[in-house]
Amino acid sequence: MATPRIALVTGASRGIGKACAQALLREGWTTVFVGRELAALEAAITESGSDASRALALSCDVRHAAEVEQVFATVEERFGRLDLLFNNAGMMGPAGCIDEVPLEGWEETLAVNLHGAFLCARAAFGLMRRQQPGGGRIINNGSIAAQAPRPQTVPYSVTKHAITGLTRCLALDGRPHNIACGQIDIGNVLTDMSQSFTQGMLQANGERRPEPVFELRHVVDAVLYMAGLPPEANVLFMTVMASGMPFVGRG
């Protein structure tokens, strides 16, 4: 009998995290759904149509170290190991020029997108080093904003640029421990949180224009591909985007 593969997905109650956690569960992974709303996580498990005995819902606010540590302690106690972390939880943060961004909005975005990602990666890395056999994989959810910002998105873009640094460091430091780390940068995927793409987005020239979008299932396929690679292979960075979005050209 094959050894179960254990995955943990943060921000798993909606959007990208929910779709990826459900797909991992359907693909045979024992999957831990992590987010702030326990009822929404449990509903996501039910909606997956998969064997709920292979799923676990854990409430956690990734901004708080004690809550993150408790989640990973529970995973270690329950399953003895972790093979995959999809470090997905995040928020858009306030928009505006830097002098218009409220400090509390900056601090909250930093706390969720960067501090939370660091805490989860730290806990996962430690567990992957301790477990026998050691090793595992961390996939960070970056963003196209990690490569080029939209206008007036300082908090979000700064945190996503920082995630790129986190990915590179973990990919390097993980080598002696058989821990691979990669990043998926997503542009204009259509979820319930990204309807504004179709209504009009601020462009570099000051205009607002609707932008092309693409279906969430393609992001899911990309994450499943990265997750399913053997330990000796890694996708360090993958960009998945709507083909016609104004990203590669000048704005």
Protein backbone atom coordinates (compact mmCIF):
# COMPACT_ATOMS: atom_id res chain seq x y z
CA MET A 1 0.00 0.00 0.00
CA ALA A 2 1.37 3.40 -1.02
CA THR A 3 2.39 5.79 1.75
CA PRO A 4 -0.13 8.67 1.94
CA ARG A 5 1.12 12.05 0.74
CA ILE A 6 0.28 14.86 3.15
CA ALA A 7 -0.48 18.36 1.83
CA LEU A 8 -1.38 21.56 3.65
CA VAL A 9 -3.00 24.54 1.92
CA THR A 10 -3.42 27.94 3.57
CA GLY A 11 -6.25 30.24 2.54
CA ALA A 12 -8.21 27.11 1.64
CA SER A 13 -11.71 28.40 2.29
CA ARG A 14 -12.11 30.27 -1.00
CA GLY A 15 -10.61 31.12 -4.37
CA ILE A 16 -7.29 29.65 -5.47
CA GLY A 17 -6.56 27.94 -2.15
CA LYS A 18 -9.93 26.22 -2.00
CA ALA A 19 -9.75 24.98 -5.60
CA CYS A 20 -6.20 23.67 -5.16
CA ALA A 21 -6.91 21.98 -1.82
CA GLN A 22 -9.98 20.27 -3.30
CA ALA A 23 -7.96 19.12 -6.32
CA LEU A 24 -5.16 17.71 -4.16
CA LEU A 25 -7.76 15.80 -2.16
CA ARG A 26 -9.31 14.42 -5.34
CA GLU A 27 -5.84 13.42 -6.57
CA GLY A 28 -5.34 11.22 -3.51
CA TRP A 29 -3.41 13.55 -1.21
CA THR A 30 -4.37 13.65 2.45
CA THR A 31 -5.10 17.37 2.58
CA VAL A 32 -5.19 19.84 5.44
CA PHE A 33 -7.45 22.82 4.70
CA VAL A 34 -6.27 25.87 6.69
CA GLY A 35 -8.01 29.23 7.01
CA ARG A 36 -9.68 31.55 9.46
CA GLU A 37 -13.26 30.28 9.01
CA LEU A 38 -13.66 26.67 10.11
CA ALA A 39 -17.20 26.31 8.74
CA ALA A 40 -16.08 27.49 5.29
CA LEU A 41 -13.18 25.00 5.33
CA GLU A 42 -15.48 22.15 6.27
CA ALA A 43 -17.87 23.18 3.51
CA ALA A 44 -14.99 23.18 1.01
CA ILE A 45 -14.14 19.61 2.01
CA THR A 46 -17.76 18.51 1.58
CA GLU A 47 -18.04 20.28 -1.78
CA SER A 48 -14.95 18.47 -3.08
CA GLY A 49 -16.93 15.25 -3.39
CA SER A 50 -13.93 13.30 -2.11
CA ASP A 51 -13.32 11.01 0.83
CA ALA A 52 -13.58 13.39 3.81
CA SER A 53 -11.58 10.97 5.97
CA ARG A 54 -8.49 12.10 4.05
CA ALA A 55 -9.15 15.78 4.82
CA LEU A 56 -8.68 17.90 7.90
CA ALA A 57 -9.94 21.45 8.49
CA LEU A 58 -7.91 23.62 10.86
CA SER A 59 -8.74 27.19 11.80
CA CYS A 60 -5.74 29.53 11.83
CA ASP A 61 -4.91 33.19 11.38
CA VAL A 62 -1.49 33.06 9.73
CA ARG A 63 -0.57 36.45 11.23
CA HIS A 64 -0.18 34.82 14.64
CA ALA A 65 2.84 32.60 15.32
CA ALA A 66 1.18 30.60 18.09
CA GLU A 67 -1.74 29.63 15.84
CA VAL A 68 0.57 28.63 12.98
CA GLU A 69 2.74 26.56 15.31
CA GLN A 70 -0.35 24.80 16.66
CA VAL A 71 -1.51 23.88 13.15
CA PHE A 72 1.81 22.30 12.23
CA ALA A 73 2.06 20.55 15.60
CA THR A 74 -1.36 19.05 14.92
CA VAL A 75 -0.26 17.89 11.48
CA GLU A 76 2.88 16.30 12.92
CA GLU A 77 0.94 14.58 15.69
CA ARG A 78 -1.84 13.38 13.39
CA PHE A 79 0.14 12.35 10.30
CA GLY A 80 3.78 12.29 11.36
CA ARG A 81 4.96 14.26 8.33
CA LEU A 82 4.20 16.91 5.71
CA ASP A 83 5.05 16.47 2.03
CA LEU A 84 3.64 19.69 0.56
CA LEU A 85 2.85 23.21 1.73
CA PHE A 86 0.94 25.44 -0.67
CA ASN A 87 1.68 28.78 1.00
CA ASN A 88 -1.31 30.59 -0.47
CA ALA A 89 -3.03 32.81 2.12
CA GLY A 90 -2.97 36.48 1.15
CA MET A 91 -4.89 39.72 0.71
CA MET A 92 -4.90 42.58 -1.80
CA GLY A 93 -4.37 45.39 0.70
CA PRO A 94 -5.28 49.07 0.29
CA ALA A 95 -4.81 50.90 -3.01
CA GLY A 96 -3.39 54.36 -3.53
CA CYS A 97 -0.13 56.24 -3.78
CA ILE A 98 2.24 55.54 -0.91
CA ASP A 99 1.31 58.73 0.96
CA GLU A 100 -2.38 57.76 0.75
CA VAL A 101 -1.95 54.23 2.14
CA PRO A 102 -3.10 54.05 5.77
CA LEU A 103 -0.43 52.61 8.03
CA GLU A 104 -2.82 50.06 9.48
CA GLY A 105 -3.56 48.81 5.93
CA TRP A 106 0.16 48.51 5.17
CA GLU A 107 0.78 46.64 8.43
CA GLU A 108 -2.11 44.24 7.88
CA THR A 109 -0.99 43.43 4.31
CA LEU A 110 2.56 42.86 5.52
CA ALA A 111 1.29 40.67 8.37
CA VAL A 112 -0.81 38.41 6.13
CA ASN A 113 1.16 38.29 2.88
CA LEU A 114 4.72 38.23 4.20
CA HIS A 115 4.81 37.53 7.93
CA GLY A 116 2.15 34.83 7.57
CA ALA A 117 3.92 33.23 4.61
CA PHE A 118 7.20 33.30 6.55
CA LEU A 119 5.63 31.68 9.62
CA CYS A 120 4.05 28.89 7.58
CA ALA A 121 7.20 28.26 5.55
CA ARG A 122 9.26 28.25 8.74
CA ALA A 123 7.03 25.68 10.41
CA ALA A 124 6.82 23.50 7.30
CA PHE A 125 10.58 23.63 6.73
CA GLY A 126 11.25 22.58 10.31
CA LEU A 127 8.84 19.65 10.10
CA MET A 128 10.26 18.54 6.76
CA ARG A 129 13.77 18.54 8.26
CA ARG A 130 12.71 16.50 11.32
CA GLN A 131 10.55 13.88 9.68
CA GLN A 132 11.80 10.52 8.46
CA PRO A 133 12.32 10.23 5.60
CA GLY A 134 13.10 13.93 5.43
CA GLY A 135 12.25 16.35 2.67
CA GLY A 136 9.21 17.87 1.06
CA ARG A 137 8.04 20.71 -1.15
CA ILE A 138 6.89 24.27 -0.53
CA ILE A 139 5.00 26.19 -3.20
CA ASN A 140 4.65 29.91 -2.54
CA ASN A 141 1.82 31.82 -4.18
CA GLY A 142 3.51 34.93 -5.55
CA SER A 143 1.83 37.10 -8.17
CA ILE A 144 2.56 38.82 -11.44
CA ALA A 145 2.92 41.80 -9.08
CA ALA A 146 6.12 40.10 -7.91
CA GLN A 147 7.53 40.87 -11.36
CA ALA A 148 5.86 44.18 -12.26
CA PRO A 149 3.47 46.22 -10.10
CA ARG A 150 0.14 47.69 -11.04
CA PRO A 151 -0.28 51.40 -10.35
CA GLN A 152 -1.05 52.29 -6.73
CA THR A 153 -0.49 48.85 -5.22
CA VAL A 154 2.51 49.49 -2.96
CA PRO A 155 1.56 47.18 -0.03
CA TYR A 156 0.58 44.21 -2.17
CA SER A 157 3.42 44.52 -4.68
CA VAL A 158 6.10 44.99 -2.02
CA THR A 159 4.99 41.86 -0.17
CA LYS A 160 4.89 39.79 -3.36
CA HIS A 161 8.38 40.94 -4.35
CA ALA A 162 9.47 39.78 -0.89
CA ILE A 163 7.88 36.36 -1.48
CA THR A 164 10.25 35.95 -4.43
CA GLY A 165 13.17 36.45 -2.04
CA LEU A 166 11.67 33.92 0.35
CA THR A 167 11.32 31.40 -2.47
CA ARG A 168 14.93 31.78 -3.57
CA CYS A 169 16.23 31.46 -0.01
CA LEU A 170 14.19 28.35 0.74
CA ALA A 171 15.14 26.73 -2.57
CA LEU A 172 18.80 27.27 -1.67
CA ASP A 173 18.67 26.42 2.04
CA GLY A 174 16.44 23.42 1.40
CA ARG A 175 18.96 21.61 -0.80
CA PRO A 176 20.83 19.79 1.99
CA HIS A 177 17.50 18.65 3.45
CA ASN A 178 15.78 17.49 0.24
CA ILE A 179 13.28 20.36 0.52
CA ALA A 180 12.29 21.93 -2.80
CA CYS A 181 10.68 25.37 -3.03
CA GLY A 182 9.01 26.97 -6.02
CA GLN A 183 6.70 29.87 -6.73
CA ILE A 184 3.65 30.32 -8.93
CA ASP A 185 2.98 33.86 -10.19
CA ILE A 186 -0.61 34.24 -11.32
CA GLY A 187 -2.10 37.00 -13.46
CA ASN A 188 -5.80 37.71 -13.97
CA VAL A 189 -7.30 34.39 -12.94
CA LEU A 190 -11.05 34.73 -12.53
CA THR A 191 -12.26 34.08 -8.98
CA ASP A 192 -14.96 35.61 -6.80
CA MET A 193 -12.32 38.06 -5.57
CA SER A 194 -11.14 39.21 -9.00
CA GLN A 195 -14.29 40.30 -10.79
CA SER A 196 -12.83 43.82 -11.07
CA PHE A 197 -10.50 42.60 -13.86
CA THR A 198 -13.49 42.40 -16.20
CA GLN A 199 -14.92 45.77 -15.11
CA GLY A 200 -11.92 48.07 -15.48
CA MET A 201 -8.41 48.12 -14.03
CA LEU A 202 -6.17 51.15 -13.61
CA GLN A 203 -3.46 51.20 -16.28
CA ALA A 204 -0.02 52.79 -16.22
CA ASN A 205 -1.25 55.64 -18.46
CA GLY A 206 -4.06 56.50 -16.03
CA GLU A 207 -6.89 54.92 -18.01
CA ARG A 208 -9.20 52.22 -16.69
CA ARG A 209 -9.80 49.28 -19.00
CA PRO A 210 -11.27 45.80 -18.65
CA GLU A 211 -8.63 43.08 -18.96
CA PRO A 212 -8.69 39.48 -20.22
CA VAL A 213 -9.04 36.74 -17.61
CA PHE A 214 -8.60 32.97 -17.58
CA GLU A 215 -10.19 30.07 -15.74
CA LEU A 216 -9.13 28.93 -12.29
CA ARG A 217 -8.78 25.31 -13.40
CA HIS A 218 -5.58 26.20 -15.25
CA VAL A 219 -3.99 27.46 -12.02
CA VAL A 220 -5.08 24.24 -10.32
CA ASP A 221 -3.46 22.18 -13.08
CA ALA A 222 -0.22 24.14 -12.67
CA VAL A 223 -0.11 23.66 -8.90
CA LEU A 224 -0.85 19.95 -9.27
CA TYR A 225 2.02 19.66 -11.76
CA MET A 226 4.45 21.40 -9.41
CA ALA A 227 3.23 19.34 -6.45
CA GLY A 228 3.59 16.06 -8.31
CA LEU A 229 7.22 16.46 -9.34
CA PRO A 230 9.75 13.97 -7.92
CA PRO A 231 12.14 15.31 -5.25
CA GLU A 232 14.98 15.69 -7.74
CA ALA A 233 13.00 18.12 -9.93
CA ASN A 234 11.63 21.58 -9.19
CA VAL A 235 9.82 24.42 -10.92
CA LEU A 236 11.52 27.41 -9.31
CA PHE A 237 9.17 29.98 -10.87
CA MET A 238 6.09 29.53 -13.04
CA THR A 239 3.99 32.36 -14.47
CA VAL A 240 0.39 31.49 -15.36
CA MET A 241 -1.56 34.39 -16.85
CA ALA A 242 -4.30 35.47 -19.19
CA SER A 243 -2.61 35.53 -22.61
CA GLY A 244 -3.91 38.95 -23.60
CA MET A 245 -3.37 40.86 -20.36
CA PRO A 246 -1.22 44.03 -20.57
CA PHE A 247 1.79 42.56 -18.80
CA VAL A 248 4.55 41.90 -21.33
CA GLY A 249 4.15 45.13 -23.26
CA ARG A 250 4.74 48.72 -22.19
CA GLY A 251 1.89 50.63 -20.56
